[in-house]
Amino acid sequence: MLWLAPFILLITFELVADIFAKEWTLGHHGYFWILALISYCIGNFFWLFALKNGTGLARGAIMFSLASEILAIGVAFYYYHEHISIHQWIGIGLGMIALGFLFWE
């Protein structure tokens, strides 16, 4: 479980980078693209440590994709008031089920 802390940091920096990128696309701050890029790089730095400490490439990549997408949808829905379709809600549910299967041994 040494991979868990860097993995959580990876997801955190990815989410922060997504927020910076969204703010930049909305035209609120011209320099947010730099903060987004830095956050993406820092997040991937933690990905290297998660891989080195046993997350596994296949399981880690799937967990990262699902967790970061679920969190990004939450931010998009609550903070940016983006519409979430029924298909997206179904995808979130299936993603949660997939995460459960990934940890089921």
N, C-alpha and C. Protein backbone atom coordinates (compact mmCIF):
# COMPACT_ATOMS: atom_id res chain seq x y z
N MET A 1 0.80 -1.20 0.00
CA MET A 1 0.00 0.00 0.00
C MET A 1 0.85 1.27 0.00
N LEU A 2 2.15 1.15 -0.22
CA LEU A 2 3.01 2.34 -0.30
C LEU A 2 2.66 3.21 -1.50
N TRP A 3 1.97 2.66 -2.45
CA TRP A 3 1.59 3.39 -3.65
C TRP A 3 0.40 4.32 -3.42
N LEU A 4 -0.34 4.13 -2.34
CA LEU A 4 -1.58 4.85 -2.16
C LEU A 4 -1.39 6.36 -1.99
N ALA A 5 -0.43 6.79 -1.18
CA ALA A 5 -0.21 8.23 -0.96
C ALA A 5 0.18 8.95 -2.25
N PRO A 6 1.17 8.45 -3.02
CA PRO A 6 1.47 9.15 -4.27
C PRO A 6 0.33 9.07 -5.28
N PHE A 7 -0.45 8.00 -5.21
CA PHE A 7 -1.59 7.87 -6.12
C PHE A 7 -2.65 8.92 -5.80
N ILE A 8 -2.91 9.13 -4.53
CA ILE A 8 -3.88 10.16 -4.13
C ILE A 8 -3.37 11.55 -4.54
N LEU A 9 -2.08 11.79 -4.40
CA LEU A 9 -1.50 13.06 -4.83
C LEU A 9 -1.61 13.23 -6.34
N LEU A 10 -1.42 12.16 -7.08
CA LEU A 10 -1.59 12.19 -8.54
C LEU A 10 -2.99 12.67 -8.89
N ILE A 11 -3.99 12.06 -8.28
CA ILE A 11 -5.38 12.41 -8.58
C ILE A 11 -5.67 13.84 -8.15
N THR A 12 -5.14 14.25 -7.01
CA THR A 12 -5.35 15.61 -6.52
C THR A 12 -4.78 16.64 -7.48
N PHE A 13 -3.54 16.45 -7.91
CA PHE A 13 -2.92 17.41 -8.82
C PHE A 13 -3.60 17.39 -10.18
N GLU A 14 -4.07 16.24 -10.62
CA GLU A 14 -4.81 16.15 -11.88
C GLU A 14 -6.10 16.97 -11.79
N LEU A 15 -6.81 16.85 -10.68
CA LEU A 15 -8.05 17.60 -10.51
C LEU A 15 -7.78 19.11 -10.45
N VAL A 16 -6.75 19.50 -9.72
CA VAL A 16 -6.38 20.91 -9.65
C VAL A 16 -6.01 21.43 -11.05
N ALA A 17 -5.26 20.63 -11.80
CA ALA A 17 -4.88 21.03 -13.15
C ALA A 17 -6.12 21.17 -14.04
N ASP A 18 -7.08 20.26 -13.90
CA ASP A 18 -8.31 20.36 -14.68
C ASP A 18 -9.06 21.65 -14.36
N ILE A 19 -9.09 22.03 -13.09
CA ILE A 19 -9.76 23.27 -12.70
C ILE A 19 -9.04 24.48 -13.28
N PHE A 20 -7.70 24.49 -13.20
CA PHE A 20 -6.94 25.58 -13.80
C PHE A 20 -7.19 25.65 -15.30
N ALA A 21 -7.21 24.50 -15.97
CA ALA A 21 -7.44 24.48 -17.41
C ALA A 21 -8.83 25.00 -17.76
N LYS A 22 -9.83 24.61 -16.99
CA LYS A 22 -11.19 25.09 -17.22
C LYS A 22 -11.27 26.59 -17.03
N GLU A 23 -10.65 27.10 -15.96
CA GLU A 23 -10.65 28.55 -15.72
C GLU A 23 -9.97 29.29 -16.87
N TRP A 24 -8.90 28.72 -17.39
CA TRP A 24 -8.21 29.36 -18.51
C TRP A 24 -9.10 29.38 -19.75
N THR A 25 -9.83 28.27 -20.01
CA THR A 25 -10.70 28.24 -21.19
C THR A 25 -11.86 29.22 -21.06
N LEU A 26 -12.26 29.51 -19.83
CA LEU A 26 -13.33 30.49 -19.62
C LEU A 26 -12.82 31.92 -19.73
N GLY A 27 -11.51 32.08 -19.84
CA GLY A 27 -10.93 33.41 -20.04
C GLY A 27 -10.79 34.22 -18.76
N HIS A 28 -10.85 33.55 -17.61
CA HIS A 28 -10.77 34.30 -16.35
C HIS A 28 -9.35 34.78 -16.03
N HIS A 29 -8.38 33.98 -16.35
CA HIS A 29 -7.00 34.34 -16.06
C HIS A 29 -6.11 33.82 -17.19
N GLY A 30 -5.32 34.70 -17.75
CA GLY A 30 -4.48 34.32 -18.87
C GLY A 30 -3.34 33.39 -18.53
N TYR A 31 -2.93 33.39 -17.27
CA TYR A 31 -1.78 32.58 -16.87
C TYR A 31 -2.19 31.22 -16.31
N PHE A 32 -3.47 30.90 -16.25
CA PHE A 32 -3.89 29.63 -15.67
C PHE A 32 -3.41 28.43 -16.47
N TRP A 33 -3.13 28.60 -17.76
CA TRP A 33 -2.63 27.47 -18.53
C TRP A 33 -1.27 27.02 -18.01
N ILE A 34 -0.48 27.96 -17.51
CA ILE A 34 0.83 27.61 -16.94
C ILE A 34 0.65 26.81 -15.65
N LEU A 35 -0.28 27.24 -14.80
CA LEU A 35 -0.56 26.51 -13.57
C LEU A 35 -1.12 25.12 -13.86
N ALA A 36 -1.94 25.02 -14.90
CA ALA A 36 -2.46 23.72 -15.29
C ALA A 36 -1.33 22.80 -15.73
N LEU A 37 -0.45 23.30 -16.56
CA LEU A 37 0.67 22.50 -17.05
C LEU A 37 1.58 22.05 -15.91
N ILE A 38 1.87 22.95 -14.99
CA ILE A 38 2.71 22.60 -13.83
C ILE A 38 2.03 21.54 -12.98
N SER A 39 0.73 21.70 -12.75
CA SER A 39 0.00 20.72 -11.94
C SER A 39 -0.04 19.35 -12.60
N TYR A 40 -0.23 19.32 -13.92
CA TYR A 40 -0.19 18.04 -14.64
C TYR A 40 1.18 17.37 -14.49
N CYS A 41 2.23 18.15 -14.60
CA CYS A 41 3.59 17.60 -14.47
C CYS A 41 3.85 17.07 -13.06
N ILE A 42 3.44 17.81 -12.06
CA ILE A 42 3.63 17.36 -10.67
C ILE A 42 2.84 16.08 -10.43
N GLY A 43 1.60 16.04 -10.93
CA GLY A 43 0.80 14.83 -10.79
C GLY A 43 1.46 13.61 -11.40
N ASN A 44 2.02 13.77 -12.59
CA ASN A 44 2.69 12.65 -13.24
C ASN A 44 3.98 12.26 -12.53
N PHE A 45 4.60 13.19 -11.83
CA PHE A 45 5.74 12.87 -10.99
C PHE A 45 5.32 11.87 -9.91
N PHE A 46 4.16 12.10 -9.30
CA PHE A 46 3.66 11.18 -8.28
C PHE A 46 3.22 9.85 -8.89
N TRP A 47 2.80 9.86 -10.15
CA TRP A 47 2.46 8.61 -10.84
C TRP A 47 3.67 7.68 -10.90
N LEU A 48 4.84 8.25 -11.14
CA LEU A 48 6.06 7.44 -11.17
C LEU A 48 6.30 6.74 -9.84
N PHE A 49 6.08 7.45 -8.74
CA PHE A 49 6.26 6.84 -7.42
C PHE A 49 5.18 5.79 -7.12
N ALA A 50 3.98 6.04 -7.57
CA ALA A 50 2.91 5.06 -7.37
C ALA A 50 3.24 3.77 -8.13
N LEU A 51 3.73 3.90 -9.35
CA LEU A 51 4.12 2.71 -10.12
C LEU A 51 5.28 1.97 -9.47
N LYS A 52 6.27 2.73 -9.02
CA LYS A 52 7.45 2.13 -8.40
C LYS A 52 7.10 1.38 -7.12
N ASN A 53 6.08 1.86 -6.41
CA ASN A 53 5.72 1.27 -5.12
C ASN A 53 4.58 0.27 -5.19
N GLY A 54 4.22 -0.18 -6.41
CA GLY A 54 3.34 -1.33 -6.51
C GLY A 54 1.91 -1.13 -6.96
N THR A 55 1.58 0.03 -7.50
CA THR A 55 0.20 0.18 -7.96
C THR A 55 -0.11 -0.71 -9.15
N GLY A 56 0.88 -1.01 -9.96
CA GLY A 56 0.66 -1.80 -11.17
C GLY A 56 0.15 -0.91 -12.28
N LEU A 57 0.65 -1.12 -13.47
CA LEU A 57 0.29 -0.26 -14.60
C LEU A 57 -1.18 -0.41 -14.98
N ALA A 58 -1.64 -1.63 -15.17
CA ALA A 58 -3.01 -1.86 -15.62
C ALA A 58 -4.02 -1.39 -14.57
N ARG A 59 -3.88 -1.88 -13.35
CA ARG A 59 -4.82 -1.52 -12.29
C ARG A 59 -4.72 -0.03 -11.99
N GLY A 60 -3.51 0.49 -11.90
CA GLY A 60 -3.32 1.91 -11.59
C GLY A 60 -3.90 2.83 -12.65
N ALA A 61 -3.70 2.48 -13.91
CA ALA A 61 -4.22 3.33 -14.99
C ALA A 61 -5.74 3.36 -14.98
N ILE A 62 -6.35 2.23 -14.75
CA ILE A 62 -7.82 2.18 -14.70
C ILE A 62 -8.34 2.94 -13.49
N MET A 63 -7.71 2.72 -12.34
CA MET A 63 -8.15 3.43 -11.13
C MET A 63 -7.99 4.93 -11.30
N PHE A 64 -6.87 5.35 -11.88
CA PHE A 64 -6.63 6.77 -12.08
C PHE A 64 -7.69 7.36 -13.01
N SER A 65 -7.94 6.69 -14.12
CA SER A 65 -8.92 7.19 -15.08
C SER A 65 -10.29 7.34 -14.44
N LEU A 66 -10.72 6.31 -13.76
CA LEU A 66 -12.06 6.35 -13.16
C LEU A 66 -12.15 7.39 -12.05
N ALA A 67 -11.18 7.40 -11.16
CA ALA A 67 -11.24 8.33 -10.03
C ALA A 67 -11.16 9.78 -10.49
N SER A 68 -10.25 10.08 -11.40
CA SER A 68 -10.11 11.47 -11.85
C SER A 68 -11.33 11.90 -12.66
N GLU A 69 -11.92 10.99 -13.43
CA GLU A 69 -13.11 11.36 -14.20
C GLU A 69 -14.31 11.58 -13.30
N ILE A 70 -14.48 10.74 -12.30
CA ILE A 70 -15.60 10.91 -11.37
C ILE A 70 -15.47 12.23 -10.62
N LEU A 71 -14.27 12.55 -10.15
CA LEU A 71 -14.07 13.81 -9.45
C LEU A 71 -14.25 15.01 -10.39
N ALA A 72 -13.77 14.91 -11.62
CA ALA A 72 -13.91 16.00 -12.58
C ALA A 72 -15.39 16.23 -12.92
N ILE A 73 -16.16 15.17 -13.04
CA ILE A 73 -17.59 15.32 -13.30
C ILE A 73 -18.26 16.00 -12.13
N GLY A 74 -17.85 15.63 -10.91
CA GLY A 74 -18.41 16.28 -9.73
C GLY A 74 -18.13 17.77 -9.70
N VAL A 75 -16.90 18.15 -10.01
CA VAL A 75 -16.53 19.58 -10.04
C VAL A 75 -17.31 20.28 -11.15
N ALA A 76 -17.39 19.65 -12.31
CA ALA A 76 -18.12 20.25 -13.44
C ALA A 76 -19.58 20.47 -13.08
N PHE A 77 -20.18 19.53 -12.39
CA PHE A 77 -21.59 19.61 -12.03
C PHE A 77 -21.84 20.65 -10.95
N TYR A 78 -21.10 20.59 -9.86
CA TYR A 78 -21.36 21.46 -8.71
C TYR A 78 -20.78 22.86 -8.85
N TYR A 79 -19.59 22.97 -9.40
CA TYR A 79 -18.92 24.27 -9.43
C TYR A 79 -19.20 25.04 -10.72
N TYR A 80 -19.18 24.33 -11.85
CA TYR A 80 -19.37 24.98 -13.14
C TYR A 80 -20.79 24.82 -13.68
N HIS A 81 -21.64 24.11 -12.96
CA HIS A 81 -23.05 23.93 -13.31
C HIS A 81 -23.23 23.34 -14.71
N GLU A 82 -22.34 22.43 -15.07
CA GLU A 82 -22.48 21.75 -16.35
C GLU A 82 -23.54 20.67 -16.22
N HIS A 83 -24.22 20.41 -17.32
CA HIS A 83 -25.28 19.41 -17.34
C HIS A 83 -24.67 18.00 -17.37
N ILE A 84 -25.21 17.12 -16.55
CA ILE A 84 -24.78 15.71 -16.54
C ILE A 84 -25.93 14.89 -17.12
N SER A 85 -25.66 14.23 -18.23
CA SER A 85 -26.72 13.45 -18.89
C SER A 85 -26.93 12.12 -18.16
N ILE A 86 -28.04 11.47 -18.49
CA ILE A 86 -28.33 10.17 -17.90
C ILE A 86 -27.23 9.16 -18.25
N HIS A 87 -26.70 9.26 -19.45
CA HIS A 87 -25.62 8.35 -19.85
C HIS A 87 -24.37 8.56 -19.01
N GLN A 88 -24.09 9.82 -18.67
CA GLN A 88 -22.94 10.10 -17.82
C GLN A 88 -23.16 9.58 -16.41
N TRP A 89 -24.40 9.72 -15.89
CA TRP A 89 -24.70 9.17 -14.57
C TRP A 89 -24.54 7.65 -14.57
N ILE A 90 -24.98 7.00 -15.63
CA ILE A 90 -24.81 5.55 -15.76
C ILE A 90 -23.32 5.21 -15.80
N GLY A 91 -22.54 6.01 -16.54
CA GLY A 91 -21.09 5.80 -16.60
C GLY A 91 -20.43 5.94 -15.24
N ILE A 92 -20.88 6.92 -14.46
CA ILE A 92 -20.34 7.10 -13.11
C ILE A 92 -20.64 5.86 -12.27
N GLY A 93 -21.86 5.38 -12.35
CA GLY A 93 -22.23 4.18 -11.60
C GLY A 93 -21.42 2.97 -12.01
N LEU A 94 -21.26 2.78 -13.30
CA LEU A 94 -20.46 1.65 -13.78
C LEU A 94 -18.99 1.81 -13.36
N GLY A 95 -18.51 3.05 -13.36
CA GLY A 95 -17.14 3.29 -12.90
C GLY A 95 -16.95 2.91 -11.44
N MET A 96 -17.94 3.23 -10.63
CA MET A 96 -17.86 2.86 -9.21
C MET A 96 -17.87 1.34 -9.05
N ILE A 97 -18.68 0.67 -9.84
CA ILE A 97 -18.69 -0.79 -9.81
C ILE A 97 -17.34 -1.34 -10.25
N ALA A 98 -16.76 -0.75 -11.29
CA ALA A 98 -15.45 -1.18 -11.78
C ALA A 98 -14.38 -1.01 -10.71
N LEU A 99 -14.42 0.12 -9.99
CA LEU A 99 -13.45 0.32 -8.90
C LEU A 99 -13.60 -0.76 -7.83
N GLY A 100 -14.82 -1.11 -7.53
CA GLY A 100 -15.06 -2.20 -6.56
C GLY A 100 -14.44 -3.51 -7.02
N PHE A 101 -14.60 -3.84 -8.29
CA PHE A 101 -14.01 -5.08 -8.82
C PHE A 101 -12.49 -5.04 -8.82
N LEU A 102 -11.91 -3.86 -9.04
CA LEU A 102 -10.45 -3.75 -9.04
C LEU A 102 -9.84 -4.08 -7.69
N PHE A 103 -10.58 -3.78 -6.63
CA PHE A 103 -10.05 -4.05 -5.29
C PHE A 103 -10.52 -5.38 -4.72
N TRP A 104 -11.38 -6.06 -5.41
CA TRP A 104 -11.91 -7.35 -4.94
C TRP A 104 -10.90 -8.44 -5.23
N GLU A 105 -10.42 -9.08 -4.20
CA GLU A 105 -9.43 -10.15 -4.41
C GLU A 105 -9.86 -11.40 -3.72
